[in-house]
Amino acid sequence: MSLQEEGHNIVGLRDRKDPLSERLDQFPWWVIALVFIAIWAGYVILSRQNFREAFDFILIGIRITITTTLYAYSIALLIGLIAGLGRISKNVVFRNLATLYVELIRGVPILVLIFFIALVLVPSMVDGIKALGESLNASGVPVIGDLLSRIDNSAFSMNVRAIIALSVTYGAFQAEIFRAGIQSIGKGQMEAARSLGMSYGQAMRYIILPQAIRNVLPALGNDFIAMVKDSSLVSVLAVRDITQVARLYAGRTFRFREAYTTLATLYLTMTLILSYVVRRIEKRFKND
């Protein structure tokens, strides 16, 4: 064996790692650290009276946080799918309207959008509905006209406005996810479906969308986790989610450490659980 070959063998043996060492290198130690932090914070909350009182008070808002997120995300999925289809549509009007919506929403901070949609857009829509009702009354359609003209701003609570704001905001982000997912499917599949006699809508429904949704499922899951965290922003509308309840507790008792440590722990726990679920779903789809 030549000196050069022997040198290569020595380098190869040096670079080769045993299975245990390689497994330890690839192990997600950061997950252990996050779980440890969550367990430590949970222990502190449950073992100390002040923290436990804060936890019991703040937990009242968990139902609002969860329901607001679920409703908003469901509506955002529908808006995102429609806007995503519009982004790739051959119809000039539909495509430009979808692009305008996406660019407008993505160009404004989420907090500003929540204020604008809840305090400007929704009242303007109510005024428009009332004007339509009065117009129908004048046109001789009193049944529908009376119904529409009676609608006022009190019909839309701040919780409903928060759901609308989050739905419209996240619909734009999900539109880009759906667009990318649809465009990731080869054009040949659409052409093959059309050659079999399917219409564009049938091909999109039965061939393209199922594959696209499968591809973007991890991204949609990450968006859901992001919405859980961003739902804290609706507290600016006095919606009694866990963030707003924590602020009320801190303002009333001046126990800021207990209130915001508990709040951060609740969000961290929800995020860890949801992240684990998303990873399991992603791994399952990869194995199928």
C-alpha atoms as a PDB file:
ATOM      1  CA  MET A   1       0.000   0.000   0.000  1.00  0.00           C
ATOM      2  CA  SER A   2       1.323   3.377  -0.961  1.00  0.00           C
ATOM      3  CA  LEU A   3       1.872   6.193   1.487  1.00  0.00           C
ATOM      4  CA  GLN A   4      -0.916   8.238  -0.157  1.00  0.00           C
ATOM      5  CA  GLU A   5      -3.462   5.414   0.133  1.00  0.00           C
ATOM      6  CA  GLU A   6      -2.513   4.861   3.745  1.00  0.00           C
ATOM      7  CA  GLY A   7      -3.029   8.551   4.424  1.00  0.00           C
ATOM      8  CA  HIS A   8      -6.509   8.435   2.855  1.00  0.00           C
ATOM      9  CA  ASN A   9      -7.412   5.450   5.031  1.00  0.00           C
ATOM     10  CA  ILE A  10      -6.292   7.265   8.165  1.00  0.00           C
ATOM     11  CA  VAL A  11      -8.393  10.319   7.221  1.00  0.00           C
ATOM     12  CA  GLY A  12     -11.375   8.073   6.481  1.00  0.00           C
ATOM     13  CA  LEU A  13     -11.122   6.353   9.843  1.00  0.00           C
ATOM     14  CA  ARG A  14     -10.827   9.714  11.568  1.00  0.00           C
ATOM     15  CA  ASP A  15     -13.939  11.116   9.838  1.00  0.00           C
ATOM     16  CA  ARG A  16     -16.015   7.988  10.390  1.00  0.00           C
ATOM     17  CA  LYS A  17     -18.180   8.211  13.483  1.00  0.00           C
ATOM     18  CA  ASP A  18     -19.669   5.388  15.447  1.00  0.00           C
ATOM     19  CA  PRO A  19     -23.512   5.142  15.354  1.00  0.00           C
ATOM     20  CA  LEU A  20     -23.943   6.348  18.920  1.00  0.00           C
ATOM     21  CA  SER A  21     -21.850   9.478  18.354  1.00  0.00           C
ATOM     22  CA  GLU A  22     -23.678  10.263  15.133  1.00  0.00           C
ATOM     23  CA  ARG A  23     -27.042   9.791  16.835  1.00  0.00           C
ATOM     24  CA  LEU A  24     -26.031  12.111  19.659  1.00  0.00           C
ATOM     25  CA  ASP A  25     -24.928  14.770  17.145  1.00  0.00           C
ATOM     26  CA  GLN A  26     -28.272  14.642  15.352  1.00  0.00           C
ATOM     27  CA  PHE A  27     -30.386  14.520  18.507  1.00  0.00           C
ATOM     28  CA  PRO A  28     -32.549  17.681  18.875  1.00  0.00           C
ATOM     29  CA  TRP A  29     -31.159  18.896  22.184  1.00  0.00           C
ATOM     30  CA  TRP A  30     -32.987  22.190  21.776  1.00  0.00           C
ATOM     31  CA  VAL A  31     -36.285  20.329  22.174  1.00  0.00           C
ATOM     32  CA  ILE A  32     -35.100  18.941  25.508  1.00  0.00           C
ATOM     33  CA  ALA A  33     -34.169  22.472  26.584  1.00  0.00           C
ATOM     34  CA  LEU A  34     -37.609  23.819  25.619  1.00  0.00           C
ATOM     35  CA  VAL A  35     -39.409  20.997  27.410  1.00  0.00           C
ATOM     36  CA  PHE A  36     -37.243  21.539  30.477  1.00  0.00           C
ATOM     37  CA  ILE A  37     -38.096  25.256  30.499  1.00  0.00           C
ATOM     38  CA  ALA A  38     -41.825  24.489  30.175  1.00  0.00           C
ATOM     39  CA  ILE A  39     -41.680  21.893  32.989  1.00  0.00           C
ATOM     40  CA  TRP A  40     -39.701  24.222  35.240  1.00  0.00           C
ATOM     41  CA  ALA A  41     -42.136  27.090  34.631  1.00  0.00           C
ATOM     42  CA  GLY A  42     -45.086  24.763  35.226  1.00  0.00           C
ATOM     43  CA  TYR A  43     -43.572  23.601  38.512  1.00  0.00           C
ATOM     44  CA  VAL A  44     -43.056  27.187  39.655  1.00  0.00           C
ATOM     45  CA  ILE A  45     -46.637  28.102  38.735  1.00  0.00           C
ATOM     46  CA  LEU A  46     -48.170  25.130  40.543  1.00  0.00           C
ATOM     47  CA  SER A  47     -45.923  25.228  43.612  1.00  0.00           C
ATOM     48  CA  ARG A  48     -46.149  28.922  44.488  1.00  0.00           C
ATOM     49  CA  GLN A  49     -49.350  30.511  45.697  1.00  0.00           C
ATOM     50  CA  ASN A  50     -48.980  33.814  43.822  1.00  0.00           C
ATOM     51  CA  PHE A  51     -48.237  32.072  40.539  1.00  0.00           C
ATOM     52  CA  ARG A  52     -51.089  29.599  41.034  1.00  0.00           C
ATOM     53  CA  GLU A  53     -53.548  32.427  41.633  1.00  0.00           C
ATOM     54  CA  ALA A  54     -52.352  34.131  38.443  1.00  0.00           C
ATOM     55  CA  PHE A  55     -52.682  30.857  36.534  1.00  0.00           C
ATOM     56  CA  ASP A  56     -56.253  30.261  37.734  1.00  0.00           C
ATOM     57  CA  PHE A  57     -57.235  33.812  36.774  1.00  0.00           C
ATOM     58  CA  ILE A  58     -55.539  33.845  33.356  1.00  0.00           C
ATOM     59  CA  LEU A  59     -56.789  30.394  32.376  1.00  0.00           C
ATOM     60  CA  ILE A  60     -60.282  31.879  32.097  1.00  0.00           C
ATOM     61  CA  GLY A  61     -59.284  33.406  28.764  1.00  0.00           C
ATOM     62  CA  ILE A  62     -58.024  30.161  27.183  1.00  0.00           C
ATOM     63  CA  ARG A  63     -61.428  29.377  25.670  1.00  0.00           C
ATOM     64  CA  ILE A  64     -61.516  32.717  23.854  1.00  0.00           C
ATOM     65  CA  THR A  65     -57.969  32.229  22.586  1.00  0.00           C
ATOM     66  CA  ILE A  66     -58.702  28.755  21.224  1.00  0.00           C
ATOM     67  CA  THR A  67     -62.108  29.524  19.688  1.00  0.00           C
ATOM     68  CA  THR A  68     -60.881  32.768  18.120  1.00  0.00           C
ATOM     69  CA  THR A  69     -57.931  30.958  16.551  1.00  0.00           C
ATOM     70  CA  LEU A  70     -60.019  28.041  15.258  1.00  0.00           C
ATOM     71  CA  TYR A  71     -62.729  30.223  13.718  1.00  0.00           C
ATOM     72  CA  ALA A  72     -60.245  32.673  12.216  1.00  0.00           C
ATOM     73  CA  TYR A  73     -58.033  29.942  10.801  1.00  0.00           C
ATOM     74  CA  SER A  74     -60.952  28.089   9.221  1.00  0.00           C
ATOM     75  CA  ILE A  75     -62.144  31.250   7.464  1.00  0.00           C
ATOM     76  CA  ALA A  76     -58.566  32.149   6.489  1.00  0.00           C
ATOM     77  CA  LEU A  77     -58.173  28.746   4.820  1.00  0.00           C
ATOM     78  CA  LEU A  78     -61.183  29.438   2.620  1.00  0.00           C
ATOM     79  CA  ILE A  79     -60.046  32.969   1.800  1.00  0.00           C
ATOM     80  CA  GLY A  80     -56.505  31.759   1.127  1.00  0.00           C
ATOM     81  CA  LEU A  81     -57.672  28.984  -1.188  1.00  0.00           C
ATOM     82  CA  ILE A  82     -59.835  31.354  -3.234  1.00  0.00           C
ATOM     83  CA  ALA A  83     -57.113  34.016  -3.394  1.00  0.00           C
ATOM     84  CA  GLY A  84     -54.469  31.386  -4.189  1.00  0.00           C
ATOM     85  CA  LEU A  85     -56.536  30.121  -7.114  1.00  0.00           C
ATOM     86  CA  GLY A  86     -56.977  33.721  -8.192  1.00  0.00           C
ATOM     87  CA  ARG A  87     -53.235  34.278  -8.169  1.00  0.00           C
ATOM     88  CA  ILE A  88     -52.747  31.606 -10.848  1.00  0.00           C
ATOM     89  CA  SER A  89     -55.980  32.276 -12.731  1.00  0.00           C
ATOM     90  CA  LYS A  90     -55.935  33.160 -16.413  1.00  0.00           C
ATOM     91  CA  ASN A  91     -58.790  35.584 -15.785  1.00  0.00           C
ATOM     92  CA  VAL A  92     -57.215  39.039 -15.739  1.00  0.00           C
ATOM     93  CA  VAL A  93     -59.726  40.569 -13.324  1.00  0.00           C
ATOM     94  CA  PHE A  94     -59.688  37.670 -10.859  1.00  0.00           C
ATOM     95  CA  ARG A  95     -55.879  37.444 -10.922  1.00  0.00           C
ATOM     96  CA  ASN A  96     -55.334  41.164 -10.380  1.00  0.00           C
ATOM     97  CA  LEU A  97     -57.907  41.377  -7.587  1.00  0.00           C
ATOM     98  CA  ALA A  98     -56.276  38.448  -5.787  1.00  0.00           C
ATOM     99  CA  THR A  99     -52.812  39.954  -6.253  1.00  0.00           C
ATOM    100  CA  LEU A 100     -54.028  43.343  -5.010  1.00  0.00           C
ATOM    101  CA  TYR A 101     -55.494  41.743  -1.890  1.00  0.00           C
ATOM    102  CA  VAL A 102     -52.325  39.773  -1.125  1.00  0.00           C
ATOM    103  CA  GLU A 103     -49.984  42.719  -1.661  1.00  0.00           C
ATOM    104  CA  LEU A 104     -52.137  45.103   0.377  1.00  0.00           C
ATOM    105  CA  ILE A 105     -52.343  42.779   3.363  1.00  0.00           C
ATOM    106  CA  ARG A 106     -48.681  41.767   3.264  1.00  0.00           C
ATOM    107  CA  GLY A 107     -47.618  45.412   3.083  1.00  0.00           C
ATOM    108  CA  VAL A 108     -49.239  46.469   6.370  1.00  0.00           C
ATOM    109  CA  PRO A 109     -48.294  45.294   9.915  1.00  0.00           C
ATOM    110  CA  ILE A 110     -50.724  42.836  11.486  1.00  0.00           C
ATOM    111  CA  LEU A 111     -51.451  45.097  14.462  1.00  0.00           C
ATOM    112  CA  VAL A 112     -52.370  47.987  12.161  1.00  0.00           C
ATOM    113  CA  LEU A 113     -54.575  45.664  10.100  1.00  0.00           C
ATOM    114  CA  ILE A 114     -56.420  44.535  13.225  1.00  0.00           C
ATOM    115  CA  PHE A 115     -57.171  48.150  14.161  1.00  0.00           C
ATOM    116  CA  PHE A 116     -58.165  49.066  10.603  1.00  0.00           C
ATOM    117  CA  ILE A 117     -60.399  46.062   9.926  1.00  0.00           C
ATOM    118  CA  ALA A 118     -62.091  46.075  13.334  1.00  0.00           C
ATOM    119  CA  LEU A 119     -62.571  49.834  13.747  1.00  0.00           C
ATOM    120  CA  VAL A 120     -62.782  51.102  10.153  1.00  0.00           C
ATOM    121  CA  LEU A 121     -63.625  48.345   7.678  1.00  0.00           C
ATOM    122  CA  VAL A 122     -66.346  46.562   9.675  1.00  0.00           C
ATOM    123  CA  PRO A 123     -68.224  49.799  10.570  1.00  0.00           C
ATOM    124  CA  SER A 124     -67.996  50.855   6.911  1.00  0.00           C
ATOM    125  CA  MET A 125     -69.473  47.521   5.865  1.00  0.00           C
ATOM    126  CA  VAL A 126     -72.298  47.985   8.371  1.00  0.00           C
ATOM    127  CA  ASP A 127     -73.027  51.436   6.951  1.00  0.00           C
ATOM    128  CA  GLY A 128     -73.077  49.944   3.457  1.00  0.00           C
ATOM    129  CA  ILE A 129     -75.498  47.200   4.514  1.00  0.00           C
ATOM    130  CA  LYS A 130     -77.797  49.746   6.136  1.00  0.00           C
ATOM    131  CA  ALA A 131     -77.710  51.915   3.030  1.00  0.00           C
ATOM    132  CA  LEU A 132     -78.592  48.861   0.928  1.00  0.00           C
ATOM    133  CA  GLY A 133     -81.502  48.105   3.248  1.00  0.00           C
ATOM    134  CA  GLU A 134     -82.851  51.653   2.957  1.00  0.00           C
ATOM    135  CA  SER A 135     -82.491  51.421  -0.813  1.00  0.00           C
ATOM    136  CA  LEU A 136     -84.464  48.177  -0.873  1.00  0.00           C
ATOM    137  CA  ASN A 137     -87.173  49.768   1.286  1.00  0.00           C
ATOM    138  CA  ALA A 138     -87.445  52.634  -1.173  1.00  0.00           C
ATOM    139  CA  SER A 139     -87.589  50.134  -4.056  1.00  0.00           C
ATOM    140  CA  GLY A 140     -90.533  48.273  -2.582  1.00  0.00           C
ATOM    141  CA  VAL A 141     -88.750  45.308  -0.999  1.00  0.00           C
ATOM    142  CA  PRO A 142     -89.571  45.979   2.652  1.00  0.00           C
ATOM    143  CA  VAL A 143     -88.945  42.507   4.111  1.00  0.00           C
ATOM    144  CA  ILE A 144     -85.255  42.297   3.220  1.00  0.00           C
ATOM    145  CA  GLY A 145     -84.849  46.066   3.459  1.00  0.00           C
ATOM    146  CA  ASP A 146     -86.095  46.211   7.062  1.00  0.00           C
ATOM    147  CA  LEU A 147     -83.832  43.318   8.016  1.00  0.00           C
ATOM    148  CA  LEU A 148     -80.720  44.944   6.562  1.00  0.00           C
ATOM    149  CA  SER A 149     -81.494  48.457   7.789  1.00  0.00           C
ATOM    150  CA  ARG A 150     -81.725  47.240  11.399  1.00  0.00           C
ATOM    151  CA  ILE A 151     -78.149  46.016  11.440  1.00  0.00           C
ATOM    152  CA  ASP A 152     -75.823  48.248  13.426  1.00  0.00           C
ATOM    153  CA  ASN A 153     -72.306  48.094  14.818  1.00  0.00           C
ATOM    154  CA  SER A 154     -73.480  46.411  18.024  1.00  0.00           C
ATOM    155  CA  ALA A 155     -74.276  43.309  15.951  1.00  0.00           C
ATOM    156  CA  PHE A 156     -70.527  42.768  15.545  1.00  0.00           C
ATOM    157  CA  SER A 157     -68.845  42.271  18.903  1.00  0.00           C
ATOM    158  CA  MET A 158     -65.144  42.909  19.285  1.00  0.00           C
ATOM    159  CA  ASN A 159     -64.556  39.181  19.353  1.00  0.00           C
ATOM    160  CA  VAL A 160     -66.260  38.802  15.972  1.00  0.00           C
ATOM    161  CA  ARG A 161     -64.270  41.731  14.599  1.00  0.00           C
ATOM    162  CA  ALA A 162     -61.058  40.149  15.867  1.00  0.00           C
ATOM    163  CA  ILE A 163     -61.928  36.914  14.057  1.00  0.00           C
ATOM    164  CA  ILE A 164     -62.620  38.840  10.853  1.00  0.00           C
ATOM    165  CA  ALA A 165     -59.347  40.745  11.172  1.00  0.00           C
ATOM    166  CA  LEU A 166     -57.246  37.619  11.726  1.00  0.00           C
ATOM    167  CA  SER A 167     -59.066  35.790   8.910  1.00  0.00           C
ATOM    168  CA  VAL A 168     -58.479  38.533   6.365  1.00  0.00           C
ATOM    169  CA  THR A 169     -54.865  38.970   7.451  1.00  0.00           C
ATOM    170  CA  TYR A 170     -53.879  35.311   7.408  1.00  0.00           C
ATOM    171  CA  GLY A 171     -55.890  34.650   4.263  1.00  0.00           C
ATOM    172  CA  ALA A 172     -53.267  36.600   2.315  1.00  0.00           C
ATOM    173  CA  PHE A 173     -50.390  34.547   3.711  1.00  0.00           C
ATOM    174  CA  GLN A 174     -52.196  31.292   3.056  1.00  0.00           C
ATOM    175  CA  ALA A 175     -52.987  32.413  -0.484  1.00  0.00           C
ATOM    176  CA  GLU A 176     -49.263  32.401  -1.202  1.00  0.00           C
ATOM    177  CA  ILE A 177     -48.912  28.965   0.376  1.00  0.00           C
ATOM    178  CA  PHE A 178     -51.693  27.549  -1.793  1.00  0.00           C
ATOM    179  CA  ARG A 179     -50.283  29.255  -4.889  1.00  0.00           C
ATOM    180  CA  ALA A 180     -46.850  27.744  -4.286  1.00  0.00           C
ATOM    181  CA  GLY A 181     -48.379  24.339  -3.629  1.00  0.00           C
ATOM    182  CA  ILE A 182     -50.420  24.358  -6.828  1.00  0.00           C
ATOM    183  CA  GLN A 183     -47.485  25.539  -8.908  1.00  0.00           C
ATOM    184  CA  SER A 184     -45.320  22.759  -7.447  1.00  0.00           C
ATOM    185  CA  ILE A 185     -47.475  20.207  -9.291  1.00  0.00           C
ATOM    186  CA  GLY A 186     -46.219  19.518 -12.803  1.00  0.00           C
ATOM    187  CA  LYS A 187     -48.188  21.109 -15.639  1.00  0.00           C
ATOM    188  CA  GLY A 188     -48.321  17.729 -17.334  1.00  0.00           C
ATOM    189  CA  GLN A 189     -50.851  16.495 -14.766  1.00  0.00           C
ATOM    190  CA  MET A 190     -53.293  19.243 -15.644  1.00  0.00           C
ATOM    191  CA  GLU A 191     -52.788  18.563 -19.344  1.00  0.00           C
ATOM    192  CA  ALA A 192     -53.316  14.829 -18.814  1.00  0.00           C
ATOM    193  CA  ALA A 193     -56.511  15.451 -16.850  1.00  0.00           C
ATOM    194  CA  ARG A 194     -57.859  17.782 -19.537  1.00  0.00           C
ATOM    195  CA  SER A 195     -57.020  15.236 -22.232  1.00  0.00           C
ATOM    196  CA  LEU A 196     -59.165  12.709 -20.350  1.00  0.00           C
ATOM    197  CA  GLY A 197     -62.160  15.020 -20.704  1.00  0.00           C
ATOM    198  CA  MET A 198     -62.073  16.755 -17.328  1.00  0.00           C
ATOM    199  CA  SER A 199     -62.906  20.422 -17.092  1.00  0.00           C
ATOM    200  CA  TYR A 200     -60.429  22.824 -15.504  1.00  0.00           C
ATOM    201  CA  GLY A 201     -62.440  22.832 -12.281  1.00  0.00           C
ATOM    202  CA  GLN A 202     -62.656  19.036 -12.116  1.00  0.00           C
ATOM    203  CA  ALA A 203     -58.944  18.633 -12.775  1.00  0.00           C
ATOM    204  CA  MET A 204     -58.127  21.184 -10.093  1.00  0.00           C
ATOM    205  CA  ARG A 205     -60.510  19.586  -7.605  1.00  0.00           C
ATOM    206  CA  TYR A 206     -59.659  15.920  -8.104  1.00  0.00           C
ATOM    207  CA  ILE A 207     -56.067  15.941  -9.372  1.00  0.00           C
ATOM    208  CA  ILE A 208     -54.151  19.122  -8.525  1.00  0.00           C
ATOM    209  CA  LEU A 209     -55.536  20.356  -5.190  1.00  0.00           C
ATOM    210  CA  PRO A 210     -55.261  17.036  -3.282  1.00  0.00           C
ATOM    211  CA  GLN A 211     -51.565  16.823  -4.170  1.00  0.00           C
ATOM    212  CA  ALA A 212     -50.963  20.538  -3.533  1.00  0.00           C
ATOM    213  CA  ILE A 213     -52.607  20.440  -0.106  1.00  0.00           C
ATOM    214  CA  ARG A 214     -50.525  17.404   0.799  1.00  0.00           C
ATOM    215  CA  ASN A 215     -47.371  19.315  -0.150  1.00  0.00           C
ATOM    216  CA  VAL A 216     -48.258  22.471   1.797  1.00  0.00           C
ATOM    217  CA  LEU A 217     -49.704  20.783   4.884  1.00  0.00           C
ATOM    218  CA  PRO A 218     -46.580  21.459   7.012  1.00  0.00           C
ATOM    219  CA  ALA A 219     -46.652  25.141   5.999  1.00  0.00           C
ATOM    220  CA  LEU A 220     -50.349  25.365   6.860  1.00  0.00           C
ATOM    221  CA  GLY A 221     -49.613  23.782  10.233  1.00  0.00           C
ATOM    222  CA  ASN A 222     -46.881  26.315  10.920  1.00  0.00           C
ATOM    223  CA  ASP A 223     -49.306  29.082   9.977  1.00  0.00           C
ATOM    224  CA  PHE A 224     -51.792  27.750  12.515  1.00  0.00           C
ATOM    225  CA  ILE A 225     -49.118  27.857  15.217  1.00  0.00           C
ATOM    226  CA  ALA A 226     -48.254  31.413  14.180  1.00  0.00           C
ATOM    227  CA  MET A 227     -51.924  32.400  14.413  1.00  0.00           C
ATOM    228  CA  VAL A 228     -52.154  30.979  17.939  1.00  0.00           C
ATOM    229  CA  LYS A 229     -49.353  33.343  18.927  1.00  0.00           C
ATOM    230  CA  ASP A 230     -50.628  36.292  16.887  1.00  0.00           C
ATOM    231  CA  SER A 231     -54.089  35.896  18.425  1.00  0.00           C
ATOM    232  CA  SER A 232     -52.565  37.700  21.406  1.00  0.00           C
ATOM    233  CA  LEU A 233     -52.778  40.876  19.326  1.00  0.00           C
ATOM    234  CA  VAL A 234     -56.583  40.893  19.551  1.00  0.00           C
ATOM    235  CA  SER A 235     -56.168  41.946  23.174  1.00  0.00           C
ATOM    236  CA  VAL A 236     -55.812  45.508  21.839  1.00  0.00           C
ATOM    237  CA  LEU A 237     -59.542  45.280  21.020  1.00  0.00           C
ATOM    238  CA  ALA A 238     -60.317  44.354  24.652  1.00  0.00           C
ATOM    239  CA  VAL A 239     -61.096  40.768  23.641  1.00  0.00           C
ATOM    240  CA  ARG A 240     -60.741  38.731  26.820  1.00  0.00           C
ATOM    241  CA  ASP A 241     -58.207  36.207  25.595  1.00  0.00           C
ATOM    242  CA  ILE A 242     -55.399  35.029  27.868  1.00  0.00           C
ATOM    243  CA  THR A 243     -53.238  38.044  26.969  1.00  0.00           C
ATOM    244  CA  GLN A 244     -55.953  40.553  27.850  1.00  0.00           C
ATOM    245  CA  VAL A 245     -56.853  38.673  31.035  1.00  0.00           C
ATOM    246  CA  ALA A 246     -53.165  38.625  32.020  1.00  0.00           C
ATOM    247  CA  ARG A 247     -52.945  42.363  31.450  1.00  0.00           C
ATOM    248  CA  LEU A 248     -56.036  42.908  33.610  1.00  0.00           C
ATOM    249  CA  TYR A 249     -54.621  40.723  36.371  1.00  0.00           C
ATOM    250  CA  ALA A 250     -51.252  42.488  36.285  1.00  0.00           C
ATOM    251  CA  GLY A 251     -52.889  45.911  36.317  1.00  0.00           C
ATOM    252  CA  ARG A 252     -55.129  44.995  39.229  1.00  0.00           C
ATOM    253  CA  THR A 253     -52.588  43.214  41.440  1.00  0.00           C
ATOM    254  CA  PHE A 254     -49.278  44.686  40.178  1.00  0.00           C
ATOM    255  CA  ARG A 255     -47.916  41.118  40.059  1.00  0.00           C
ATOM    256  CA  PHE A 256     -46.293  41.523  36.670  1.00  0.00           C
ATOM    257  CA  ARG A 257     -43.795  38.689  37.154  1.00  0.00           C
ATOM    258  CA  GLU A 258     -46.494  36.150  37.978  1.00  0.00           C
ATOM    259  CA  ALA A 259     -48.880  37.334  35.262  1.00  0.00           C
ATOM    260  CA  TYR A 260     -46.491  37.427  32.324  1.00  0.00           C
ATOM    261  CA  THR A 261     -44.479  34.357  33.335  1.00  0.00           C
ATOM    262  CA  THR A 262     -47.733  32.402  33.411  1.00  0.00           C
ATOM    263  CA  LEU A 263     -48.830  33.900  30.102  1.00  0.00           C
ATOM    264  CA  ALA A 264     -45.536  33.058  28.390  1.00  0.00           C
ATOM    265  CA  THR A 265     -45.684  29.502  29.775  1.00  0.00           C
ATOM    266  CA  LEU A 266     -49.201  28.967  28.426  1.00  0.00           C
ATOM    267  CA  TYR A 267     -48.209  30.110  24.936  1.00  0.00           C
ATOM    268  CA  LEU A 268     -45.010  28.042  25.043  1.00  0.00           C
ATOM    269  CA  THR A 269     -46.934  24.938  26.079  1.00  0.00           C
ATOM    270  CA  MET A 270     -49.502  25.346  23.308  1.00  0.00           C
ATOM    271  CA  THR A 271     -46.762  25.990  20.751  1.00  0.00           C
ATOM    272  CA  LEU A 272     -44.758  22.919  21.789  1.00  0.00           C
ATOM    273  CA  ILE A 273     -47.801  20.649  21.616  1.00  0.00           C
ATOM    274  CA  LEU A 274     -48.887  21.984  18.230  1.00  0.00           C
ATOM    275  CA  SER A 275     -45.339  21.803  16.845  1.00  0.00           C
ATOM    276  CA  TYR A 276     -45.131  18.163  17.882  1.00  0.00           C
ATOM    277  CA  VAL A 277     -48.469  17.406  16.191  1.00  0.00           C
ATOM    278  CA  VAL A 278     -47.387  19.177  12.979  1.00  0.00           C
ATOM    279  CA  ARG A 279     -44.102  17.241  12.887  1.00  0.00           C
ATOM    280  CA  ARG A 280     -45.908  13.940  13.392  1.00  0.00           C
ATOM    281  CA  ILE A 281     -48.315  14.724  10.569  1.00  0.00           C
ATOM    282  CA  GLU A 282     -45.448  15.780   8.303  1.00  0.00           C
ATOM    283  CA  LYS A 283     -43.501  12.607   9.098  1.00  0.00           C
ATOM    284  CA  ARG A 284     -46.554  10.458   8.444  1.00  0.00           C
ATOM    285  CA  PHE A 285     -47.165  12.005   5.032  1.00  0.00           C
ATOM    286  CA  LYS A 286     -43.505  11.587   4.103  1.00  0.00           C
ATOM    287  CA  ASN A 287     -43.653   7.894   4.949  1.00  0.00           C
ATOM    288  CA  ASP A 288     -46.859   7.287   2.926  1.00  0.00           C
END
